N, C-alpha and C. Protein backbone atom coordinates (compact mmCIF):
# COMPACT_ATOMS: atom_id res chain seq x y z
N MET A 1 61.56 218.68 190.65
CA MET A 1 61.37 218.82 189.25
C MET A 1 62.68 218.24 188.61
N LYS A 2 62.76 217.30 187.62
CA LYS A 2 63.81 216.78 187.12
C LYS A 2 64.53 217.76 186.20
N ILE A 3 65.95 217.57 186.18
CA ILE A 3 66.86 218.39 185.31
C ILE A 3 67.24 217.60 184.02
N ASN A 4 66.90 218.20 182.85
CA ASN A 4 67.39 217.35 181.72
C ASN A 4 68.54 218.30 181.07
N ILE A 5 69.55 217.81 180.87
CA ILE A 5 70.63 218.58 180.07
C ILE A 5 71.13 217.79 178.86
N THR A 6 71.53 218.47 177.92
CA THR A 6 72.38 217.97 176.75
C THR A 6 73.40 218.82 176.55
N VAL A 7 74.50 218.02 176.55
CA VAL A 7 75.86 218.70 176.24
C VAL A 7 76.58 218.48 174.96
N LEU A 8 76.82 219.26 174.12
CA LEU A 8 77.63 218.98 172.89
C LEU A 8 79.05 219.43 173.12
N LEU A 9 80.03 218.47 172.76
CA LEU A 9 81.38 218.76 172.97
C LEU A 9 82.08 218.31 171.58
N LYS A 10 82.93 219.16 171.10
CA LYS A 10 83.61 219.15 169.89
C LYS A 10 85.14 219.11 170.25
N SER A 11 85.78 217.88 170.13
CA SER A 11 87.20 217.79 170.25
C SER A 11 87.79 218.26 169.09
N LYS A 12 89.20 218.60 169.42
CA LYS A 12 90.02 218.68 168.31
C LYS A 12 90.18 217.28 167.69
N ILE A 13 90.48 217.19 166.30
CA ILE A 13 90.54 215.83 165.72
C ILE A 13 91.49 214.90 166.22
N GLU A 14 92.63 215.47 166.65
CA GLU A 14 93.76 214.66 167.20
C GLU A 14 93.48 214.30 168.64
N THR A 15 92.51 214.73 169.24
CA THR A 15 92.11 214.56 170.66
C THR A 15 90.98 213.83 170.95
N ALA A 16 90.20 213.29 169.92
CA ALA A 16 89.07 212.65 170.03
C ALA A 16 88.98 211.23 170.96
N ASP A 17 90.14 210.60 170.81
CA ASP A 17 89.98 209.42 171.46
C ASP A 17 90.42 209.71 172.80
N LYS A 18 91.17 210.76 173.25
CA LYS A 18 91.41 211.05 174.53
C LYS A 18 90.36 211.66 175.44
N LEU A 19 89.38 212.34 174.56
CA LEU A 19 88.29 213.10 175.15
C LEU A 19 87.10 211.84 175.19
N ASN A 20 87.02 210.92 174.45
CA ASN A 20 86.14 209.72 174.53
C ASN A 20 86.61 209.01 175.70
N ALA A 21 87.72 208.78 176.10
CA ALA A 21 88.15 207.95 177.30
C ALA A 21 87.58 208.75 178.62
N LEU A 22 88.01 209.93 178.54
CA LEU A 22 87.63 210.92 179.73
C LEU A 22 86.08 210.98 179.88
N LEU A 23 85.39 210.95 178.76
CA LEU A 23 83.86 210.97 178.92
C LEU A 23 83.29 209.60 179.41
N GLU A 24 83.80 208.47 178.91
CA GLU A 24 83.40 207.20 179.31
C GLU A 24 83.74 207.16 180.90
N GLY A 25 84.64 207.50 181.39
CA GLY A 25 85.10 207.61 182.85
C GLY A 25 84.01 208.44 183.77
N LEU A 26 83.73 209.53 183.10
CA LEU A 26 82.78 210.51 183.57
C LEU A 26 81.43 209.79 183.76
N VAL A 27 80.97 209.09 182.58
CA VAL A 27 79.66 208.32 182.49
C VAL A 27 79.59 207.47 183.72
N GLU A 28 80.51 206.57 183.68
CA GLU A 28 80.75 205.33 184.67
C GLU A 28 80.52 206.08 186.08
N LYS A 29 81.12 207.01 186.53
CA LYS A 29 81.07 207.54 187.91
C LYS A 29 79.76 208.35 188.05
N SER A 30 79.27 209.00 187.06
CA SER A 30 78.06 209.76 187.18
C SER A 30 76.94 208.73 187.29
N ARG A 31 76.91 207.65 186.46
CA ARG A 31 75.76 206.88 186.63
C ARG A 31 75.63 206.14 188.15
N LYS A 32 76.54 206.17 188.85
CA LYS A 32 76.65 205.57 190.19
C LYS A 32 76.27 206.56 191.21
N GLU A 33 76.03 207.78 190.83
CA GLU A 33 75.51 208.69 191.96
C GLU A 33 73.92 208.82 192.17
N GLU A 34 73.68 208.96 193.37
CA GLU A 34 72.26 208.97 193.86
C GLU A 34 71.63 210.21 193.14
N GLY A 35 70.60 209.78 192.58
CA GLY A 35 69.80 211.01 191.82
C GLY A 35 70.08 211.01 190.46
N CYS A 36 70.99 210.31 189.88
CA CYS A 36 71.32 210.21 188.52
C CYS A 36 70.03 209.22 187.95
N ILE A 37 69.11 209.83 187.13
CA ILE A 37 68.29 209.04 186.32
C ILE A 37 68.70 208.38 185.00
N GLN A 38 69.48 209.27 184.39
CA GLN A 38 69.99 208.78 183.01
C GLN A 38 71.29 209.73 182.76
N TYR A 39 72.35 209.17 182.17
CA TYR A 39 73.51 209.71 181.94
C TYR A 39 74.16 208.91 180.53
N ASP A 40 73.82 209.17 179.39
CA ASP A 40 74.28 208.72 178.18
C ASP A 40 75.21 209.60 177.39
N LEU A 41 76.11 208.80 176.73
CA LEU A 41 77.00 209.41 175.83
C LEU A 41 76.95 208.93 174.55
N HIS A 42 76.80 209.91 173.51
CA HIS A 42 76.80 209.56 172.20
C HIS A 42 77.86 210.10 171.38
N GLN A 43 78.12 209.61 170.18
CA GLN A 43 79.20 210.01 169.38
C GLN A 43 78.43 210.08 167.95
N ASP A 44 78.77 211.35 167.17
CA ASP A 44 78.35 211.46 165.97
C ASP A 44 78.85 210.51 164.96
N VAL A 45 77.95 209.98 164.19
CA VAL A 45 78.46 208.97 163.17
C VAL A 45 79.08 209.53 161.96
N GLU A 46 79.06 210.72 161.74
CA GLU A 46 79.69 211.37 160.69
C GLU A 46 80.94 212.09 160.97
N ASN A 47 81.02 212.62 162.39
CA ASN A 47 82.03 213.52 162.83
C ASN A 47 82.65 212.80 164.11
N SER A 48 83.35 212.07 164.06
CA SER A 48 83.88 211.21 165.25
C SER A 48 84.43 212.06 166.45
N ASN A 49 84.68 213.44 166.24
CA ASN A 49 85.08 214.50 167.16
C ASN A 49 83.98 215.07 167.90
N VAL A 50 82.69 214.64 167.63
CA VAL A 50 81.55 215.39 168.14
C VAL A 50 80.88 214.33 169.18
N PHE A 51 80.83 214.87 170.34
CA PHE A 51 80.23 214.05 171.47
C PHE A 51 78.92 214.70 172.02
N ILE A 52 77.92 213.83 172.57
CA ILE A 52 76.85 214.37 173.12
C ILE A 52 76.51 213.64 174.41
N LEU A 53 76.42 214.36 175.41
CA LEU A 53 75.91 213.94 176.81
C LEU A 53 74.38 214.06 176.81
N HIS A 54 73.62 213.29 177.31
CA HIS A 54 72.36 213.36 177.62
C HIS A 54 72.17 213.04 179.31
N GLU A 55 71.67 213.88 180.00
CA GLU A 55 71.67 213.71 181.45
C GLU A 55 70.39 214.01 182.02
N VAL A 56 69.80 213.09 182.77
CA VAL A 56 68.65 213.45 183.55
C VAL A 56 68.91 213.28 185.06
N TRP A 57 68.75 214.19 185.95
CA TRP A 57 68.86 214.28 187.38
C TRP A 57 67.75 214.45 188.04
N GLN A 58 67.47 213.98 189.23
CA GLN A 58 66.21 213.91 190.09
C GLN A 58 65.82 215.44 190.42
N ASN A 59 66.65 216.30 190.57
CA ASN A 59 66.52 217.62 190.81
C ASN A 59 67.67 218.61 190.71
N LYS A 60 67.52 219.84 190.94
CA LYS A 60 68.66 220.83 190.70
C LYS A 60 69.62 220.64 191.86
N ALA A 61 69.26 220.37 193.21
CA ALA A 61 70.17 220.20 194.17
C ALA A 61 71.10 218.87 194.04
N ILE A 62 70.56 217.84 193.42
CA ILE A 62 71.48 216.71 193.07
C ILE A 62 72.31 216.99 192.09
N PHE A 63 71.82 217.75 190.95
CA PHE A 63 72.55 218.18 189.85
C PHE A 63 73.83 219.01 190.44
N ASP A 64 73.49 219.84 191.26
CA ASP A 64 74.56 220.80 191.70
C ASP A 64 75.60 219.99 192.47
N LEU A 65 75.13 218.99 193.48
CA LEU A 65 76.03 218.22 194.15
C LEU A 65 76.77 217.34 193.12
N HIS A 66 76.33 216.73 191.99
CA HIS A 66 76.99 216.12 191.01
C HIS A 66 78.13 217.06 190.48
N ASN A 67 77.94 218.20 190.22
CA ASN A 67 78.97 219.24 189.79
C ASN A 67 79.97 219.70 190.77
N SER A 68 79.66 219.36 191.93
CA SER A 68 80.74 219.60 192.99
C SER A 68 81.54 218.42 193.23
N GLN A 69 81.37 217.36 192.72
CA GLN A 69 82.20 216.16 192.92
C GLN A 69 83.66 216.40 192.38
N GLU A 70 84.72 215.95 193.19
CA GLU A 70 86.05 215.88 192.58
C GLU A 70 86.23 215.46 191.06
N TYR A 71 85.64 214.26 190.99
CA TYR A 71 86.02 213.85 189.65
C TYR A 71 85.24 214.59 188.42
N VAL A 72 84.22 215.26 188.74
CA VAL A 72 83.70 216.25 187.76
C VAL A 72 84.60 217.47 187.47
N LYS A 73 85.00 217.97 188.72
CA LYS A 73 85.93 219.14 188.66
C LYS A 73 87.38 218.72 187.77
N HIS A 74 87.76 217.70 188.06
CA HIS A 74 88.87 216.93 187.50
C HIS A 74 88.64 217.03 186.01
N PHE A 75 87.61 216.47 185.56
CA PHE A 75 87.10 216.23 184.12
C PHE A 75 87.23 217.65 183.58
N PHE A 76 86.51 218.65 184.08
CA PHE A 76 86.29 219.94 183.32
C PHE A 76 87.69 220.81 183.39
N SER A 77 88.58 220.36 184.33
CA SER A 77 89.87 221.10 184.31
C SER A 77 90.74 220.68 183.26
N ASN A 78 90.65 219.36 182.78
CA ASN A 78 91.42 218.85 181.82
C ASN A 78 90.91 218.97 180.41
N VAL A 79 89.58 219.05 180.51
CA VAL A 79 88.86 219.07 178.90
C VAL A 79 89.25 220.25 177.96
N PRO A 80 89.45 221.39 178.45
CA PRO A 80 89.46 222.66 177.41
C PRO A 80 90.71 222.44 176.62
N GLU A 81 91.90 221.80 176.89
CA GLU A 81 92.83 221.58 175.99
C GLU A 81 92.56 220.53 174.82
N LEU A 82 91.50 219.89 175.22
CA LEU A 82 91.12 218.78 174.20
C LEU A 82 90.06 219.26 173.16
N LEU A 83 89.49 220.40 173.72
CA LEU A 83 88.25 220.73 172.74
C LEU A 83 88.66 221.69 171.54
N GLY A 84 88.11 221.77 170.31
CA GLY A 84 88.09 222.52 169.34
C GLY A 84 87.40 223.88 169.56
N GLU A 85 86.16 223.76 170.40
CA GLU A 85 85.34 225.01 170.64
C GLU A 85 84.63 224.67 172.06
N LYS A 86 84.01 225.87 172.52
CA LYS A 86 83.49 226.03 173.77
C LYS A 86 82.46 224.87 173.81
N PRO A 87 82.07 223.92 174.95
CA PRO A 87 80.93 223.18 174.81
C PRO A 87 79.57 223.93 174.84
N GLN A 88 78.59 223.29 174.26
CA GLN A 88 77.17 223.78 174.37
C GLN A 88 76.37 223.06 175.36
N ILE A 89 76.02 223.70 176.36
CA ILE A 89 75.10 223.17 177.39
C ILE A 89 73.62 223.72 177.16
N ILE A 90 72.73 222.78 177.18
CA ILE A 90 71.27 223.08 176.92
C ILE A 90 70.51 222.40 177.96
N PHE A 91 69.93 223.11 178.74
CA PHE A 91 68.85 222.77 179.71
C PHE A 91 67.46 222.65 179.03
N THR A 92 66.75 221.55 179.19
CA THR A 92 65.52 221.43 178.54
C THR A 92 64.41 220.80 179.44
N ASN A 93 63.32 221.02 179.07
CA ASN A 93 62.07 220.38 179.74
C ASN A 93 61.42 219.49 178.73
N LYS A 94 61.27 218.14 179.32
CA LYS A 94 60.62 217.16 178.43
C LYS A 94 59.29 217.51 178.21
N ILE A 95 58.81 217.47 177.05
CA ILE A 95 57.30 217.97 176.70
C ILE A 95 56.58 216.73 176.14
N ALA A 96 57.18 215.73 175.64
CA ALA A 96 56.53 214.54 175.14
C ALA A 96 57.20 213.34 175.29
């Protein structure tokens, strides 16, 4: 079963550019992984410190493997200092 994930990240105003650069690197590497169906990064047009990741993975095992990658661990170890609040992670089922 496919795994659909939306992640909402809000950076501190002064760290938005740095977070954006880290997110773009994460997207580039994630898209190359086997089992990655979709991995998109969006930025709020009114609040430039708000970023949204939309991910679709082939199944949970592949998603878990993705989260165990060193570059993903590195990303998450560096992100907390850039964020203004805790990320919101939403797992969904596509219904239409």
